[in-house]
Amino acid sequence: MGSFSIWHWLVVGIIILLLFGRGRFSGMMGDVAKGIKEFKKGMAEDEDAKAAARIESPQPTVVESEKQTDKTS
């Protein structure tokens, strides 16, 4: 009683197709796929920007900062 049979899922699928229509349902899935691709592209660009920022402006180490303070004293 706790599990659903194949007939249950078949009826649910038919009802969903009737409500949304075949074209509308495939259009929604296409929009979801485009959204996922844009999200991945944005994440990749964000990682590239962080890596470039680290390469361009490295932070001085503790030893380097101590040398700079010794020179000024």
C-alpha atoms as a PDB file:
ATOM      1  CA  MET A   1       0.000   0.000   0.000  1.00  0.00           C
ATOM      2  CA  GLY A   2       2.919   2.368   0.622  1.00  0.00           C
ATOM      3  CA  SER A   3       4.416   2.117  -2.857  1.00  0.00           C
ATOM      4  CA  PHE A   4       2.995   3.356  -6.123  1.00  0.00           C
ATOM      5  CA  SER A   5       2.538   1.027  -9.058  1.00  0.00           C
ATOM      6  CA  ILE A   6       3.532   1.676 -12.651  1.00  0.00           C
ATOM      7  CA  TRP A   7      -0.120   2.406 -13.465  1.00  0.00           C
ATOM      8  CA  HIS A   8      -0.210   5.189 -10.917  1.00  0.00           C
ATOM      9  CA  TRP A   9       2.834   6.891 -12.433  1.00  0.00           C
ATOM     10  CA  LEU A  10       1.454   6.402 -15.951  1.00  0.00           C
ATOM     11  CA  VAL A  11      -1.810   8.134 -15.028  1.00  0.00           C
ATOM     12  CA  VAL A  12       0.071  10.963 -13.278  1.00  0.00           C
ATOM     13  CA  GLY A  13       2.273  11.430 -16.361  1.00  0.00           C
ATOM     14  CA  ILE A  14      -0.734  11.563 -18.693  1.00  0.00           C
ATOM     15  CA  ILE A  15      -2.473  14.122 -16.478  1.00  0.00           C
ATOM     16  CA  ILE A  16       0.645  16.310 -16.392  1.00  0.00           C
ATOM     17  CA  LEU A  17       0.964  16.144 -20.188  1.00  0.00           C
ATOM     18  CA  LEU A  18      -2.706  17.053 -20.586  1.00  0.00           C
ATOM     19  CA  LEU A  19      -2.416  20.003 -18.196  1.00  0.00           C
ATOM     20  CA  PHE A  20       0.783  21.475 -19.545  1.00  0.00           C
ATOM     21  CA  GLY A  21       0.750  20.187 -23.102  1.00  0.00           C
ATOM     22  CA  ARG A  22       3.695  18.607 -24.835  1.00  0.00           C
ATOM     23  CA  GLY A  23       5.131  21.843 -26.243  1.00  0.00           C
ATOM     24  CA  ARG A  24       4.827  23.790 -23.013  1.00  0.00           C
ATOM     25  CA  PHE A  25       6.420  21.006 -20.960  1.00  0.00           C
ATOM     26  CA  SER A  26       9.390  20.652 -23.310  1.00  0.00           C
ATOM     27  CA  GLY A  27       9.748  24.447 -23.367  1.00  0.00           C
ATOM     28  CA  MET A  28       9.961  24.519 -19.582  1.00  0.00           C
ATOM     29  CA  MET A  29      12.614  21.799 -19.585  1.00  0.00           C
ATOM     30  CA  GLY A  30      14.587  23.766 -22.191  1.00  0.00           C
ATOM     31  CA  ASP A  31      14.434  26.859 -19.981  1.00  0.00           C
ATOM     32  CA  VAL A  32      15.660  24.834 -17.007  1.00  0.00           C
ATOM     33  CA  ALA A  33      18.575  23.512 -19.064  1.00  0.00           C
ATOM     34  CA  LYS A  34      19.494  27.047 -20.187  1.00  0.00           C
ATOM     35  CA  GLY A  35      19.386  28.229 -16.593  1.00  0.00           C
ATOM     36  CA  ILE A  36      21.715  25.454 -15.460  1.00  0.00           C
ATOM     37  CA  LYS A  37      24.173  26.229 -18.276  1.00  0.00           C
ATOM     38  CA  GLU A  38      24.187  29.946 -17.405  1.00  0.00           C
ATOM     39  CA  PHE A  39      24.729  29.128 -13.730  1.00  0.00           C
ATOM     40  CA  LYS A  40      27.714  26.901 -14.530  1.00  0.00           C
ATOM     41  CA  LYS A  41      29.127  29.557 -16.869  1.00  0.00           C
ATOM     42  CA  GLY A  42      28.781  32.207 -14.171  1.00  0.00           C
ATOM     43  CA  MET A  43      30.477  30.013 -11.586  1.00  0.00           C
ATOM     44  CA  ALA A  44      33.381  29.321 -13.969  1.00  0.00           C
ATOM     45  CA  GLU A  45      33.804  33.055 -14.700  1.00  0.00           C
ATOM     46  CA  ASP A  46      33.740  33.806 -10.970  1.00  0.00           C
ATOM     47  CA  GLU A  47      36.494  31.259 -10.282  1.00  0.00           C
ATOM     48  CA  ASP A  48      38.593  32.648 -13.152  1.00  0.00           C
ATOM     49  CA  ALA A  49      38.231  36.184 -11.791  1.00  0.00           C
ATOM     50  CA  LYS A  50      39.305  35.086  -8.305  1.00  0.00           C
ATOM     51  CA  ALA A  51      42.339  33.249  -9.688  1.00  0.00           C
ATOM     52  CA  ALA A  52      43.348  36.256 -11.793  1.00  0.00           C
ATOM     53  CA  ALA A  53      43.015  38.578  -8.801  1.00  0.00           C
ATOM     54  CA  ARG A  54      45.274  36.339  -6.723  1.00  0.00           C
ATOM     55  CA  ILE A  55      47.918  36.272  -9.464  1.00  0.00           C
ATOM     56  CA  GLU A  56      47.842  40.043 -10.065  1.00  0.00           C
ATOM     57  CA  SER A  57      48.108  41.227  -6.466  1.00  0.00           C
ATOM     58  CA  PRO A  58      49.799  38.759  -4.137  1.00  0.00           C
ATOM     59  CA  GLN A  59      49.640  39.654  -0.463  1.00  0.00           C
ATOM     60  CA  PRO A  60      52.976  40.248   1.280  1.00  0.00           C
ATOM     61  CA  THR A  61      54.064  37.549   3.662  1.00  0.00           C
ATOM     62  CA  VAL A  62      54.788  38.165   7.315  1.00  0.00           C
ATOM     63  CA  VAL A  63      58.538  38.194   6.685  1.00  0.00           C
ATOM     64  CA  GLU A  64      58.182  40.764   3.872  1.00  0.00           C
ATOM     65  CA  SER A  65      56.028  43.029   6.012  1.00  0.00           C
ATOM     66  CA  GLU A  66      58.578  42.843   8.849  1.00  0.00           C
ATOM     67  CA  LYS A  67      61.347  43.821   6.414  1.00  0.00           C
ATOM     68  CA  GLN A  68      59.326  46.823   5.300  1.00  0.00           C
ATOM     69  CA  THR A  69      58.802  48.005   8.882  1.00  0.00           C
ATOM     70  CA  ASP A  70      62.540  47.550   9.652  1.00  0.00           C
ATOM     71  CA  LYS A  71      63.486  49.719   6.682  1.00  0.00           C
ATOM     72  CA  THR A  72      61.203  52.523   7.800  1.00  0.00           C
ATOM     73  CA  SER A  73      62.450  52.455  11.414  1.00  0.00           C
END
